[in-house]
Amino acid sequence: MKIGQLYLVATPRPGWTHHELTARVGAAIDGGVDVLQLRCKELEALPYLRLAEMILPLARAAGIPFIINDRPDVALAVGADGVHLGQNDLPVEHARRILPDRIIGRSSHEPADAERAIAERASYFAVGPVWETPTKPGRKAAGLSYVRDVAARKPPMPWFAIGGITPENIEQVIAEGASRVAVVRAILDAGDPAGAAHRLSSALSAARTLEPV
């Protein structure tokens, strides 16, 4: 399945019902999100699976990849398109034993992590956090320099800048060589999730039309 440009990491918020989350995710997809991840750090396997079963039809209807964070078992059980792994999760090769022929993403926070993702032949990897963000408490910003470093490497697989990216600063990561971004708050917490997604998607699409043929 094709990996797009605008990646939403859907994370439940305190006080939100599952229906609130699905409504916001649906609006985000309408606005231009073309990769979707469900990230539920605090949920055990069964409630994680049940929420994934609510979100999955939104991705299927839109024809976009649906990724589960951290849990290959949940990804397999729900029939997701893949899994996203942190630095302390399973190695890519082991995740592929559970999810053969599916998308295996990897987080990266510094050049050595990027080298690992490339060596492991991850389907894609995330680069950041570009700016400090409350969704990654305690994690120092990797900075725009890390985006620039990865862009210069010209990885053989897609990669996404992530961390504190908004419609107001996305041009900065694009200027450093990113053609894909992943976001959480910029869309989920927006008053108009569809509008926020559209602004981000439009910026990415405009940048791509300027790339040399």
C-alpha atoms as a PDB file:
ATOM      1  CA  MET A   1       0.000   0.000   0.000  1.00  0.00           C
ATOM      2  CA  LYS A   2       1.304   3.452  -0.928  1.00  0.00           C
ATOM      3  CA  ILE A   3       2.642   5.575   1.923  1.00  0.00           C
ATOM      4  CA  GLY A   4       1.378   9.144   1.655  1.00  0.00           C
ATOM      5  CA  GLN A   5       2.601  12.544   2.827  1.00  0.00           C
ATOM      6  CA  LEU A   6       0.449  13.600   5.780  1.00  0.00           C
ATOM      7  CA  TYR A   7       0.530  11.152   8.682  1.00  0.00           C
ATOM      8  CA  LEU A   8      -1.851  11.536  11.623  1.00  0.00           C
ATOM      9  CA  VAL A   9      -0.946   9.865  14.912  1.00  0.00           C
ATOM     10  CA  ALA A  10      -4.369   9.499  16.516  1.00  0.00           C
ATOM     11  CA  THR A  11      -3.995   9.541  20.285  1.00  0.00           C
ATOM     12  CA  PRO A  12      -6.975   9.519  22.682  1.00  0.00           C
ATOM     13  CA  ARG A  13      -7.189  12.607  24.860  1.00  0.00           C
ATOM     14  CA  PRO A  14      -8.296  12.724  28.523  1.00  0.00           C
ATOM     15  CA  GLY A  15     -12.028  13.277  28.652  1.00  0.00           C
ATOM     16  CA  TRP A  16     -12.646  12.286  25.050  1.00  0.00           C
ATOM     17  CA  THR A  17     -14.999   9.456  24.237  1.00  0.00           C
ATOM     18  CA  HIS A  18     -14.038   7.032  21.517  1.00  0.00           C
ATOM     19  CA  HIS A  19     -16.708   8.651  19.375  1.00  0.00           C
ATOM     20  CA  GLU A  20     -15.051  12.052  19.785  1.00  0.00           C
ATOM     21  CA  LEU A  21     -11.755  10.594  18.622  1.00  0.00           C
ATOM     22  CA  THR A  22     -13.299   8.841  15.627  1.00  0.00           C
ATOM     23  CA  ALA A  23     -15.154  12.009  14.639  1.00  0.00           C
ATOM     24  CA  ARG A  24     -11.936  14.022  14.666  1.00  0.00           C
ATOM     25  CA  VAL A  25     -10.049  11.339  12.788  1.00  0.00           C
ATOM     26  CA  GLY A  26     -12.790  11.202  10.168  1.00  0.00           C
ATOM     27  CA  ALA A  27     -12.631  14.965   9.712  1.00  0.00           C
ATOM     28  CA  ALA A  28      -8.844  14.819   9.439  1.00  0.00           C
ATOM     29  CA  ILE A  29      -9.065  12.221   6.681  1.00  0.00           C
ATOM     30  CA  ASP A  30     -11.583  14.412   4.869  1.00  0.00           C
ATOM     31  CA  GLY A  31      -9.043  17.235   5.111  1.00  0.00           C
ATOM     32  CA  GLY A  32      -6.198  15.300   3.514  1.00  0.00           C
ATOM     33  CA  VAL A  33      -4.593  12.894   6.003  1.00  0.00           C
ATOM     34  CA  ASP A  34      -3.349   9.934   3.957  1.00  0.00           C
ATOM     35  CA  VAL A  35      -1.614   7.775   6.595  1.00  0.00           C
ATOM     36  CA  LEU A  36      -3.237   6.982   9.940  1.00  0.00           C
ATOM     37  CA  GLN A  37      -1.721   5.566  13.106  1.00  0.00           C
ATOM     38  CA  LEU A  38      -3.537   4.683  16.319  1.00  0.00           C
ATOM     39  CA  ARG A  39      -1.337   5.261  19.364  1.00  0.00           C
ATOM     40  CA  CYS A  40      -2.651   4.131  22.759  1.00  0.00           C
ATOM     41  CA  LYS A  41       0.236   3.906  25.205  1.00  0.00           C
ATOM     42  CA  GLU A  42      -2.010   3.507  28.237  1.00  0.00           C
ATOM     43  CA  LEU A  43      -4.388   0.837  26.930  1.00  0.00           C
ATOM     44  CA  GLU A  44      -4.124  -2.895  27.460  1.00  0.00           C
ATOM     45  CA  ALA A  45      -4.431  -5.173  24.449  1.00  0.00           C
ATOM     46  CA  LEU A  46      -8.199  -5.757  24.490  1.00  0.00           C
ATOM     47  CA  PRO A  47      -9.379  -2.124  24.801  1.00  0.00           C
ATOM     48  CA  TYR A  48      -6.677  -1.158  22.291  1.00  0.00           C
ATOM     49  CA  LEU A  49      -8.101  -3.736  19.882  1.00  0.00           C
ATOM     50  CA  ARG A  50     -11.671  -2.539  20.396  1.00  0.00           C
ATOM     51  CA  LEU A  51     -10.726   1.077  19.680  1.00  0.00           C
ATOM     52  CA  ALA A  52      -8.734  -0.016  16.625  1.00  0.00           C
ATOM     53  CA  GLU A  53     -11.835  -1.813  15.358  1.00  0.00           C
ATOM     54  CA  MET A  54     -13.704   1.520  15.521  1.00  0.00           C
ATOM     55  CA  ILE A  55     -10.973   3.468  13.709  1.00  0.00           C
ATOM     56  CA  LEU A  56     -10.071   0.910  11.046  1.00  0.00           C
ATOM     57  CA  PRO A  57     -13.229   1.396   8.898  1.00  0.00           C
ATOM     58  CA  LEU A  58     -12.371   5.098   8.480  1.00  0.00           C
ATOM     59  CA  ALA A  59      -9.020   4.207   6.936  1.00  0.00           C
ATOM     60  CA  ARG A  60     -10.525   1.445   4.817  1.00  0.00           C
ATOM     61  CA  ALA A  61     -13.215   3.762   3.429  1.00  0.00           C
ATOM     62  CA  ALA A  62     -10.538   6.301   2.470  1.00  0.00           C
ATOM     63  CA  GLY A  63      -8.120   3.690   1.106  1.00  0.00           C
ATOM     64  CA  ILE A  64      -5.241   4.838   3.313  1.00  0.00           C
ATOM     65  CA  PRO A  65      -2.786   2.825   5.453  1.00  0.00           C
ATOM     66  CA  PHE A  66      -3.823   2.078   9.029  1.00  0.00           C
ATOM     67  CA  ILE A  67      -0.898   1.585  11.412  1.00  0.00           C
ATOM     68  CA  ILE A  68      -0.894   0.423  15.046  1.00  0.00           C
ATOM     69  CA  ASN A  69       1.686   1.896  17.427  1.00  0.00           C
ATOM     70  CA  ASP A  70       3.984  -0.495  19.324  1.00  0.00           C
ATOM     71  CA  ARG A  71       1.808  -3.623  19.235  1.00  0.00           C
ATOM     72  CA  PRO A  72       2.293  -6.118  16.385  1.00  0.00           C
ATOM     73  CA  ASP A  73      -0.175  -8.434  18.119  1.00  0.00           C
ATOM     74  CA  VAL A  74      -2.944  -5.819  18.023  1.00  0.00           C
ATOM     75  CA  ALA A  75      -2.054  -4.948  14.428  1.00  0.00           C
ATOM     76  CA  LEU A  76      -2.342  -8.603  13.443  1.00  0.00           C
ATOM     77  CA  ALA A  77      -5.567  -9.159  15.362  1.00  0.00           C
ATOM     78  CA  VAL A  78      -7.367  -6.168  13.862  1.00  0.00           C
ATOM     79  CA  GLY A  79      -6.014  -6.643  10.337  1.00  0.00           C
ATOM     80  CA  ALA A  80      -4.121  -3.348  10.265  1.00  0.00           C
ATOM     81  CA  ASP A  81      -1.740  -2.492   7.445  1.00  0.00           C
ATOM     82  CA  GLY A  82       1.280  -2.377   9.717  1.00  0.00           C
ATOM     83  CA  VAL A  83       2.915  -1.369  12.979  1.00  0.00           C
ATOM     84  CA  HIS A  84       5.079   1.533  14.141  1.00  0.00           C
ATOM     85  CA  LEU A  85       7.995   0.653  16.417  1.00  0.00           C
ATOM     86  CA  GLY A  86       9.927   2.791  18.884  1.00  0.00           C
ATOM     87  CA  GLN A  87      13.608   2.380  19.619  1.00  0.00           C
ATOM     88  CA  ASN A  88      12.888  -0.015  22.503  1.00  0.00           C
ATOM     89  CA  ASP A  89      10.326  -2.109  20.646  1.00  0.00           C
ATOM     90  CA  LEU A  90      10.897  -5.225  18.553  1.00  0.00           C
ATOM     91  CA  PRO A  91      13.535  -5.097  15.825  1.00  0.00           C
ATOM     92  CA  VAL A  92      12.026  -4.721  12.361  1.00  0.00           C
ATOM     93  CA  GLU A  93      13.034  -8.247  11.318  1.00  0.00           C
ATOM     94  CA  HIS A  94      11.176  -9.761  14.279  1.00  0.00           C
ATOM     95  CA  ALA A  95       8.077  -7.652  13.644  1.00  0.00           C
ATOM     96  CA  ARG A  96       8.102  -8.909  10.063  1.00  0.00           C
ATOM     97  CA  ARG A  97       7.808 -12.480  11.338  1.00  0.00           C
ATOM     98  CA  ILE A  98       4.487 -11.465  12.882  1.00  0.00           C
ATOM     99  CA  LEU A  99       3.383  -9.136  10.085  1.00  0.00           C
ATOM    100  CA  PRO A 100       4.950 -10.365   6.841  1.00  0.00           C
ATOM    101  CA  ASP A 101       4.406  -8.159   3.809  1.00  0.00           C
ATOM    102  CA  ARG A 102       2.982  -5.312   5.891  1.00  0.00           C
ATOM    103  CA  ILE A 103       4.239  -1.836   6.725  1.00  0.00           C
ATOM    104  CA  ILE A 104       6.831  -1.661   9.498  1.00  0.00           C
ATOM    105  CA  GLY A 105       7.688   1.871  10.618  1.00  0.00           C
ATOM    106  CA  ARG A 106      10.418   2.957  12.995  1.00  0.00           C
ATOM    107  CA  SER A 107      11.006   6.036  15.178  1.00  0.00           C
ATOM    108  CA  SER A 108      14.350   7.853  15.038  1.00  0.00           C
ATOM    109  CA  HIS A 109      15.741  10.643  17.205  1.00  0.00           C
ATOM    110  CA  GLU A 110      19.353  10.984  16.069  1.00  0.00           C
ATOM    111  CA  PRO A 111      21.564   9.994  13.118  1.00  0.00           C
ATOM    112  CA  ALA A 112      22.382   6.567  14.565  1.00  0.00           C
ATOM    113  CA  ASP A 113      18.657   5.797  14.743  1.00  0.00           C
ATOM    114  CA  ALA A 114      18.198   6.793  11.114  1.00  0.00           C
ATOM    115  CA  GLU A 115      21.098   4.548  10.130  1.00  0.00           C
ATOM    116  CA  ARG A 116      19.458   1.693  12.032  1.00  0.00           C
ATOM    117  CA  ALA A 117      16.102   2.207  10.303  1.00  0.00           C
ATOM    118  CA  ILE A 118      17.797   2.232   6.912  1.00  0.00           C
ATOM    119  CA  ALA A 119      19.868  -0.856   7.727  1.00  0.00           C
ATOM    120  CA  GLU A 120      16.780  -2.685   8.990  1.00  0.00           C
ATOM    121  CA  ARG A 121      14.967  -1.775   5.781  1.00  0.00           C
ATOM    122  CA  ALA A 122      12.003  -0.323   7.621  1.00  0.00           C
ATOM    123  CA  SER A 123       9.092   0.577   5.359  1.00  0.00           C
ATOM    124  CA  TYR A 124       9.439   4.175   6.573  1.00  0.00           C
ATOM    125  CA  PHE A 125      10.828   6.021   9.569  1.00  0.00           C
ATOM    126  CA  ALA A 126       9.979   9.116  11.587  1.00  0.00           C
ATOM    127  CA  VAL A 127      12.513  11.898  12.227  1.00  0.00           C
ATOM    128  CA  GLY A 128      12.217  13.974  15.367  1.00  0.00           C
ATOM    129  CA  PRO A 129      10.881  15.430  17.468  1.00  0.00           C
ATOM    130  CA  VAL A 130      11.792  18.500  15.454  1.00  0.00           C
ATOM    131  CA  TRP A 131      10.497  20.674  18.295  1.00  0.00           C
ATOM    132  CA  GLU A 132       9.767  19.624  21.864  1.00  0.00           C
ATOM    133  CA  THR A 133       6.213  18.431  22.272  1.00  0.00           C
ATOM    134  CA  PRO A 134       4.052  17.293  25.222  1.00  0.00           C
ATOM    135  CA  THR A 135       3.191  14.126  23.314  1.00  0.00           C
ATOM    136  CA  LYS A 136       6.819  13.054  23.913  1.00  0.00           C
ATOM    137  CA  PRO A 137       7.488  14.232  27.490  1.00  0.00           C
ATOM    138  CA  GLY A 138      11.154  14.258  28.425  1.00  0.00           C
ATOM    139  CA  ARG A 139      12.313  13.853  24.852  1.00  0.00           C
ATOM    140  CA  LYS A 140      14.629  16.685  23.775  1.00  0.00           C
ATOM    141  CA  ALA A 141      14.087  18.247  20.388  1.00  0.00           C
ATOM    142  CA  ALA A 142      16.196  16.776  17.621  1.00  0.00           C
ATOM    143  CA  GLY A 143      15.932  20.084  15.766  1.00  0.00           C
ATOM    144  CA  LEU A 144      15.766  21.130  12.155  1.00  0.00           C
ATOM    145  CA  SER A 145      19.396  20.075  11.775  1.00  0.00           C
ATOM    146  CA  TYR A 146      18.356  16.443  12.119  1.00  0.00           C
ATOM    147  CA  VAL A 147      15.776  16.875   9.353  1.00  0.00           C
ATOM    148  CA  ARG A 148      18.481  18.419   7.181  1.00  0.00           C
ATOM    149  CA  ASP A 149      20.877  15.566   7.980  1.00  0.00           C
ATOM    150  CA  VAL A 150      18.377  12.868   7.016  1.00  0.00           C
ATOM    151  CA  ALA A 151      17.390  14.699   3.831  1.00  0.00           C
ATOM    152  CA  ALA A 152      21.047  14.822   2.819  1.00  0.00           C
ATOM    153  CA  ARG A 153      21.335  11.037   3.259  1.00  0.00           C
ATOM    154  CA  LYS A 154      18.578  10.474   0.667  1.00  0.00           C
ATOM    155  CA  PRO A 155      17.173   7.363   2.363  1.00  0.00           C
ATOM    156  CA  PRO A 156      15.793   4.657   0.060  1.00  0.00           C
ATOM    157  CA  MET A 157      12.458   4.613   1.902  1.00  0.00           C
ATOM    158  CA  PRO A 158       9.938   7.318   2.914  1.00  0.00           C
ATOM    159  CA  TRP A 159      10.563   9.315   6.079  1.00  0.00           C
ATOM    160  CA  PHE A 160       8.429  11.755   8.050  1.00  0.00           C
ATOM    161  CA  ALA A 161       9.448  14.790  10.067  1.00  0.00           C
ATOM    162  CA  ILE A 162       7.546  14.753  13.376  1.00  0.00           C
ATOM    163  CA  GLY A 163       7.282  16.763  16.574  1.00  0.00           C
ATOM    164  CA  GLY A 164       5.642  20.139  17.093  1.00  0.00           C
ATOM    165  CA  ILE A 165       4.855  20.648  13.406  1.00  0.00           C
ATOM    166  CA  THR A 166       1.931  22.972  12.677  1.00  0.00           C
ATOM    167  CA  PRO A 167       0.455  24.773   9.667  1.00  0.00           C
ATOM    168  CA  GLU A 168       2.400  27.824  10.858  1.00  0.00           C
ATOM    169  CA  ASN A 169       5.864  26.207  10.864  1.00  0.00           C
ATOM    170  CA  ILE A 170       5.610  23.405   8.312  1.00  0.00           C
ATOM    171  CA  GLU A 171       7.439  25.513   5.727  1.00  0.00           C
ATOM    172  CA  GLN A 172      10.543  25.334   7.930  1.00  0.00           C
ATOM    173  CA  VAL A 173      10.734  21.535   7.783  1.00  0.00           C
ATOM    174  CA  ILE A 174       9.941  21.558   4.078  1.00  0.00           C
ATOM    175  CA  ALA A 175      12.809  24.005   3.554  1.00  0.00           C
ATOM    176  CA  GLU A 176      15.167  21.522   5.249  1.00  0.00           C
ATOM    177  CA  GLY A 177      14.189  18.755   2.851  1.00  0.00           C
ATOM    178  CA  ALA A 178      11.150  17.042   4.393  1.00  0.00           C
ATOM    179  CA  SER A 179       8.408  16.092   1.942  1.00  0.00           C
ATOM    180  CA  ARG A 180       6.324  14.195   4.502  1.00  0.00           C
ATOM    181  CA  VAL A 181       5.239  15.103   8.036  1.00  0.00           C
ATOM    182  CA  ALA A 182       3.524  13.363  10.929  1.00  0.00           C
ATOM    183  CA  VAL A 183       1.438  15.289  13.456  1.00  0.00           C
ATOM    184  CA  VAL A 184      -0.746  14.807  16.504  1.00  0.00           C
ATOM    185  CA  ARG A 185      -1.923  18.035  18.162  1.00  0.00           C
ATOM    186  CA  ALA A 186      -1.848  20.231  15.053  1.00  0.00           C
ATOM    187  CA  ILE A 187      -4.830  18.310  13.715  1.00  0.00           C
ATOM    188  CA  LEU A 188      -6.472  16.473  16.617  1.00  0.00           C
ATOM    189  CA  ASP A 189      -6.564  19.513  18.919  1.00  0.00           C
ATOM    190  CA  ALA A 190      -7.554  21.991  16.224  1.00  0.00           C
ATOM    191  CA  GLY A 191     -10.979  23.610  16.330  1.00  0.00           C
ATOM    192  CA  ASP A 192     -11.344  22.524  12.706  1.00  0.00           C
ATOM    193  CA  PRO A 193      -9.418  19.250  12.197  1.00  0.00           C
ATOM    194  CA  ALA A 194     -10.353  19.048   8.513  1.00  0.00           C
ATOM    195  CA  GLY A 195      -9.171  22.602   7.901  1.00  0.00           C
ATOM    196  CA  ALA A 196      -5.890  22.034   9.726  1.00  0.00           C
ATOM    197  CA  ALA A 197      -5.250  18.850   7.758  1.00  0.00           C
ATOM    198  CA  HIS A 198      -6.035  20.647   4.517  1.00  0.00           C
ATOM    199  CA  ARG A 199      -3.532  23.412   5.266  1.00  0.00           C
ATOM    200  CA  LEU A 200      -0.786  20.911   6.044  1.00  0.00           C
ATOM    201  CA  SER A 201      -1.596  18.755   3.029  1.00  0.00           C
ATOM    202  CA  SER A 202      -1.680  21.766   0.728  1.00  0.00           C
ATOM    203  CA  ALA A 203       1.749  22.910   1.921  1.00  0.00           C
ATOM    204  CA  LEU A 204       3.210  19.466   1.242  1.00  0.00           C
ATOM    205  CA  SER A 205       1.571  19.213  -2.158  1.00  0.00           C
ATOM    206  CA  ALA A 206       2.806  22.659  -3.163  1.00  0.00           C
ATOM    207  CA  ALA A 207       6.350  21.727  -2.150  1.00  0.00           C
ATOM    208  CA  ARG A 208       6.213  18.530  -4.179  1.00  0.00           C
ATOM    209  CA  THR A 209       5.165  20.373  -7.342  1.00  0.00           C
ATOM    210  CA  LEU A 210       8.337  22.467  -7.012  1.00  0.00           C
ATOM    211  CA  GLU A 211      10.643  19.417  -6.938  1.00  0.00           C
ATOM    212  CA  PRO A 212      12.800  18.979 -10.046  1.00  0.00           C
ATOM    213  CA  VAL A 213      11.548  16.317 -12.429  1.00  0.00           C
END
